[in-house]
Amino acid sequence: MTTRPACRYLGRFVAMAAAALLLQAAACESHPAAQAEKLPPGVTKARVVSVVDGDTVDVKALAGARLPGTRVRFIGVDKPETTRAVEPYGHEATAFTHKGLLGKTVYLEKDVSETDRYGRALRYVWLTSPPAKPTEEQVRKHLFNAILVLGGYAQVATHPPDVKYAELPVKFQREAREAGRELWGVEGDGGDRPTDASGGKPCDPSYPDVCIPPPPPDLDCRDIPLPEVPSAAARPASL
């Protein structure tokens, strides 16, 4: 005679427990940690899987905007050469990027250009998700492109139209040069600017593929040390 009320109470208890579980599940789904990270437009979350040199890495995309490839070239900077020739502080710049980025999760921000002429994705490399309007302090601490320049491991190389953060790196380079940091403190170049692989002439950072002395004076084409290319007459004819 007393079993029916007990069953009724047990049913109510089960229903309340089920409702509590549903509420808990809904709360977990709405928690930010359980949701997919919302990234700004043009930003890719990725993991750095290898370091090519000081300003180029290979990545694995994790979320966000699609990348045109897995190799990423940093926008707005140029580090000393280590692939075609070894320039002062080239290996140190590569080691700095290796220590700072390898295995890390980064946020790759596009400017205007998608790739460079070699097909590498051109991106700003952030250590945290980039703010909509970053302050100078945020750029100093979290934009790896700027960190390279501040540390004296790279120099500014501005190539329009990718100039979103062009002003601050110029300021940071001046700061690094005045402090004689890393490549700016290399003996033999007066602490003013990096030199070519022979350690002689200073190189204009506007021309990353060839060492051209900065003005003044103006140079004629014959004064620029370009690699020798055989003439058409010297090349064998092909069918």
Protein backbone atom coordinates (compact mmCIF):
# COMPACT_ATOMS: atom_id res chain seq x y z
CA MET A 1 0.00 0.00 0.00
CA THR A 2 2.96 2.39 0.57
CA THR A 3 4.89 1.58 -2.59
CA ARG A 4 3.01 3.95 -4.88
CA PRO A 5 4.03 7.18 -3.08
CA ALA A 6 7.63 5.93 -2.93
CA CYS A 7 7.63 5.26 -6.65
CA ARG A 8 6.12 8.66 -7.24
CA TYR A 9 8.88 10.35 -5.20
CA LEU A 10 11.55 8.29 -6.96
CA GLY A 11 10.20 9.37 -10.34
CA ARG A 12 10.32 13.01 -9.33
CA PHE A 13 13.90 12.61 -8.10
CA VAL A 14 15.01 11.03 -11.39
CA ALA A 15 13.32 13.81 -13.37
CA MET A 16 15.03 16.50 -11.28
CA ALA A 17 18.42 14.81 -11.64
CA ALA A 18 17.98 14.59 -15.41
CA ALA A 19 17.06 18.28 -15.58
CA ALA A 20 20.14 19.19 -13.54
CA LEU A 21 22.37 17.22 -15.91
CA LEU A 22 20.84 18.96 -18.92
CA LEU A 23 21.43 22.37 -17.36
CA GLN A 24 25.05 21.47 -16.58
CA ALA A 25 25.62 20.30 -20.16
CA ALA A 26 24.14 23.53 -21.52
CA ALA A 27 26.39 25.57 -19.25
CA CYS A 28 29.47 23.71 -20.46
CA GLU A 29 28.54 24.32 -24.09
CA SER A 30 28.14 28.03 -23.49
CA HIS A 31 31.42 28.33 -21.59
CA PRO A 32 34.11 30.13 -23.66
CA ALA A 33 36.62 27.34 -23.11
CA ALA A 34 34.25 24.84 -24.69
CA GLN A 35 33.47 26.96 -27.71
CA ALA A 36 35.62 27.22 -30.82
CA GLU A 37 37.90 30.26 -30.59
CA LYS A 38 36.52 33.19 -32.56
CA LEU A 39 39.32 34.72 -34.62
CA PRO A 40 39.40 38.13 -36.31
CA PRO A 41 38.97 38.20 -40.11
CA GLY A 42 42.15 37.37 -42.01
CA VAL A 43 43.77 35.66 -39.01
CA THR A 44 44.90 32.03 -38.95
CA LYS A 45 45.68 30.12 -35.79
CA ALA A 46 48.61 27.78 -36.47
CA ARG A 47 51.41 25.79 -34.90
CA VAL A 48 55.02 26.34 -35.98
CA VAL A 49 56.41 22.96 -37.05
CA SER A 50 59.83 24.04 -38.38
CA VAL A 51 62.01 27.14 -38.71
CA VAL A 52 63.57 27.80 -42.12
CA ASP A 53 65.51 30.89 -41.02
CA GLY A 54 65.02 34.01 -38.94
CA ASP A 55 62.06 35.36 -40.91
CA THR A 56 60.53 32.23 -42.45
CA VAL A 57 58.75 29.28 -40.80
CA ASP A 58 56.63 26.29 -41.73
CA VAL A 59 53.29 25.94 -39.97
CA LYS A 60 50.29 23.68 -39.56
CA ALA A 61 47.02 25.61 -39.73
CA LEU A 62 44.63 24.92 -36.85
CA ALA A 63 41.73 27.33 -37.33
CA GLY A 64 40.64 30.58 -38.92
CA ALA A 65 41.40 32.01 -42.35
CA ARG A 66 42.77 29.68 -45.02
CA LEU A 67 46.50 29.87 -45.77
CA PRO A 68 47.75 29.62 -49.37
CA GLY A 69 50.52 27.28 -48.20
CA THR A 70 52.39 26.00 -45.17
CA ARG A 71 55.46 28.24 -45.50
CA VAL A 72 55.15 31.71 -43.97
CA ARG A 73 57.38 34.74 -44.59
CA PHE A 74 57.23 37.49 -41.97
CA ILE A 75 55.98 40.84 -43.27
CA GLY A 76 58.07 43.98 -42.92
CA VAL A 77 61.39 42.52 -41.75
CA ASP A 78 64.57 41.16 -43.30
CA LYS A 79 67.04 39.14 -41.29
CA PRO A 80 70.72 38.55 -42.17
CA GLU A 81 71.23 35.95 -44.91
CA THR A 82 72.11 32.33 -44.11
CA THR A 83 70.96 30.38 -47.19
CA ARG A 84 72.81 31.87 -50.18
CA ALA A 85 75.57 33.50 -48.12
CA VAL A 86 76.25 33.84 -44.42
CA GLU A 87 75.97 37.42 -43.16
CA PRO A 88 76.83 38.63 -39.67
CA TYR A 89 74.22 37.47 -37.14
CA GLY A 90 72.38 35.32 -39.67
CA HIS A 91 72.68 32.16 -37.58
CA GLU A 92 71.86 34.05 -34.38
CA ALA A 93 68.65 35.40 -35.93
CA THR A 94 67.62 31.89 -36.98
CA ALA A 95 68.38 30.56 -33.51
CA PHE A 96 66.31 33.34 -31.93
CA THR A 97 63.28 32.50 -34.08
CA HIS A 98 63.79 28.77 -33.42
CA LYS A 99 63.75 29.35 -29.67
CA GLY A 100 60.84 31.78 -29.77
CA LEU A 101 58.48 30.00 -32.18
CA LEU A 102 59.21 26.32 -32.76
CA GLY A 103 56.33 24.20 -31.47
CA LYS A 104 54.40 27.29 -30.39
CA THR A 105 50.86 28.25 -31.34
CA VAL A 106 50.81 31.55 -33.22
CA TYR A 107 48.27 33.81 -34.91
CA LEU A 108 49.05 34.76 -38.51
CA GLU A 109 47.57 38.06 -39.64
CA LYS A 110 47.26 38.95 -43.32
CA ASP A 111 47.81 42.52 -44.56
CA VAL A 112 47.07 43.11 -48.27
CA SER A 113 49.25 40.66 -50.19
CA GLU A 114 48.53 36.94 -49.96
CA THR A 115 51.97 35.63 -50.97
CA ASP A 116 55.40 36.81 -52.06
CA ARG A 117 56.98 35.97 -55.43
CA TYR A 118 58.15 32.62 -54.05
CA GLY A 119 54.64 31.56 -53.06
CA ARG A 120 55.19 31.97 -49.32
CA ALA A 121 52.28 33.30 -47.28
CA LEU A 122 53.01 36.85 -46.13
CA ARG A 123 51.87 37.32 -42.56
CA TYR A 124 52.37 39.17 -39.30
CA VAL A 125 53.17 36.59 -36.61
CA TRP A 126 51.42 37.24 -33.31
CA LEU A 127 52.09 35.33 -30.09
CA THR A 128 48.52 36.08 -28.98
CA SER A 129 45.34 36.74 -30.93
CA PRO A 130 45.85 40.19 -32.49
CA PRO A 131 43.75 43.04 -31.06
CA ALA A 132 41.59 45.08 -33.41
CA LYS A 133 43.64 48.21 -32.61
CA PRO A 134 46.87 47.13 -30.92
CA THR A 135 48.77 49.59 -28.78
CA GLU A 136 52.50 50.13 -29.10
CA GLU A 137 53.02 48.07 -25.95
CA GLN A 138 51.01 45.16 -27.38
CA VAL A 139 53.03 45.29 -30.60
CA ARG A 140 56.28 45.32 -28.63
CA LYS A 141 55.36 42.29 -26.54
CA HIS A 142 53.27 40.12 -28.85
CA LEU A 143 54.11 40.81 -32.54
CA PHE A 144 57.11 38.61 -33.34
CA ASN A 145 58.00 40.63 -36.45
CA ALA A 146 58.51 43.64 -34.18
CA ILE A 147 60.29 41.57 -31.51
CA LEU A 148 62.92 40.56 -34.09
CA VAL A 149 63.58 44.21 -34.94
CA LEU A 150 63.62 45.33 -31.30
CA GLY A 151 66.13 42.64 -30.43
CA GLY A 152 68.43 43.58 -33.29
CA TYR A 153 67.92 40.26 -35.09
CA ALA A 154 66.33 41.80 -38.21
CA GLN A 155 66.00 45.13 -39.93
CA VAL A 156 62.94 46.85 -41.34
CA ALA A 157 62.07 46.04 -44.96
CA THR A 158 58.87 47.80 -45.99
CA HIS A 159 57.22 46.61 -49.19
CA PRO A 160 53.93 48.34 -50.08
CA PRO A 161 51.06 47.64 -49.98
CA ASP A 162 51.78 45.65 -46.78
CA VAL A 163 52.36 48.59 -44.46
CA LYS A 164 49.81 48.16 -41.66
CA TYR A 165 52.46 48.27 -38.92
CA ALA A 166 55.19 50.11 -40.86
CA GLU A 167 55.68 53.07 -38.52
CA LEU A 168 56.39 51.26 -35.24
CA PRO A 169 59.10 48.92 -36.59
CA VAL A 170 61.04 51.97 -37.88
CA LYS A 171 60.94 53.37 -34.36
CA PHE A 172 61.97 50.00 -32.91
CA GLN A 173 64.89 49.69 -35.34
CA ARG A 174 66.17 53.12 -34.32
CA GLU A 175 65.95 52.02 -30.70
CA ALA A 176 67.86 48.77 -31.40
CA ARG A 177 70.52 50.59 -33.44
CA GLU A 178 71.12 53.24 -30.79
CA ALA A 179 71.45 50.51 -28.16
CA GLY A 180 73.86 48.52 -30.38
CA ARG A 181 71.80 45.35 -30.07
CA GLU A 182 72.97 42.19 -31.80
CA LEU A 183 73.54 42.81 -35.55
CA TRP A 184 73.77 46.58 -34.94
CA GLY A 185 76.70 45.96 -32.63
CA VAL A 186 78.73 43.86 -35.06
CA GLU A 187 82.29 45.13 -35.14
CA GLY A 188 83.52 46.58 -38.40
CA ASP A 189 80.32 48.25 -39.60
CA GLY A 190 80.36 51.17 -37.18
CA GLY A 191 77.10 50.02 -35.60
CA ASP A 192 75.10 51.79 -38.31
CA ARG A 193 73.80 49.03 -40.57
CA PRO A 194 74.58 45.43 -41.56
CA THR A 195 77.12 44.76 -44.29
CA ASP A 196 77.35 42.22 -47.09
CA ALA A 197 78.80 38.72 -46.62
CA SER A 198 82.35 39.99 -47.22
CA GLY A 199 82.04 42.38 -44.29
CA GLY A 200 82.84 45.38 -46.50
CA LYS A 201 80.10 47.56 -47.98
CA PRO A 202 76.95 48.46 -46.02
CA CYS A 203 73.77 47.17 -47.66
CA ASP A 204 70.55 49.09 -48.27
CA PRO A 205 67.74 47.02 -46.59
CA SER A 206 65.32 48.09 -49.35
CA TYR A 207 66.97 45.56 -51.69
CA PRO A 208 66.96 42.17 -49.91
CA ASP A 209 68.13 40.13 -52.94
CA VAL A 210 71.37 42.02 -53.65
CA CYS A 211 73.75 44.18 -51.62
CA ILE A 212 73.37 47.74 -52.88
CA PRO A 213 75.14 50.52 -50.90
CA PRO A 214 72.70 53.13 -49.57
CA PRO A 215 72.75 56.67 -51.03
CA PRO A 216 74.50 59.03 -51.38
CA PRO A 217 75.92 58.94 -54.02
CA ASP A 218 73.56 57.74 -56.73
CA LEU A 219 74.74 54.57 -58.44
CA ASP A 220 74.81 53.52 -62.07
CA CYS A 221 73.72 50.00 -62.97
CA ARG A 222 77.37 49.05 -63.63
CA ASP A 223 78.17 49.82 -59.99
CA ILE A 224 75.77 47.14 -58.68
CA PRO A 225 77.41 43.71 -58.15
CA LEU A 226 74.84 41.46 -59.84
CA PRO A 227 75.60 37.79 -60.54
CA GLU A 228 76.97 37.11 -64.02
CA VAL A 229 74.41 35.72 -66.48
CA PRO A 230 75.62 34.11 -69.75
CA SER A 231 74.61 35.94 -72.90
CA ALA A 232 72.22 34.46 -75.43
CA ALA A 233 75.15 33.84 -77.81
CA ALA A 234 76.97 31.82 -75.16
CA ARG A 235 73.99 29.61 -74.40
CA PRO A 236 73.46 26.50 -76.55
CA ALA A 237 70.47 26.68 -78.83
CA SER A 238 67.51 24.51 -77.87
CA LEU A 239 64.88 23.01 -80.12
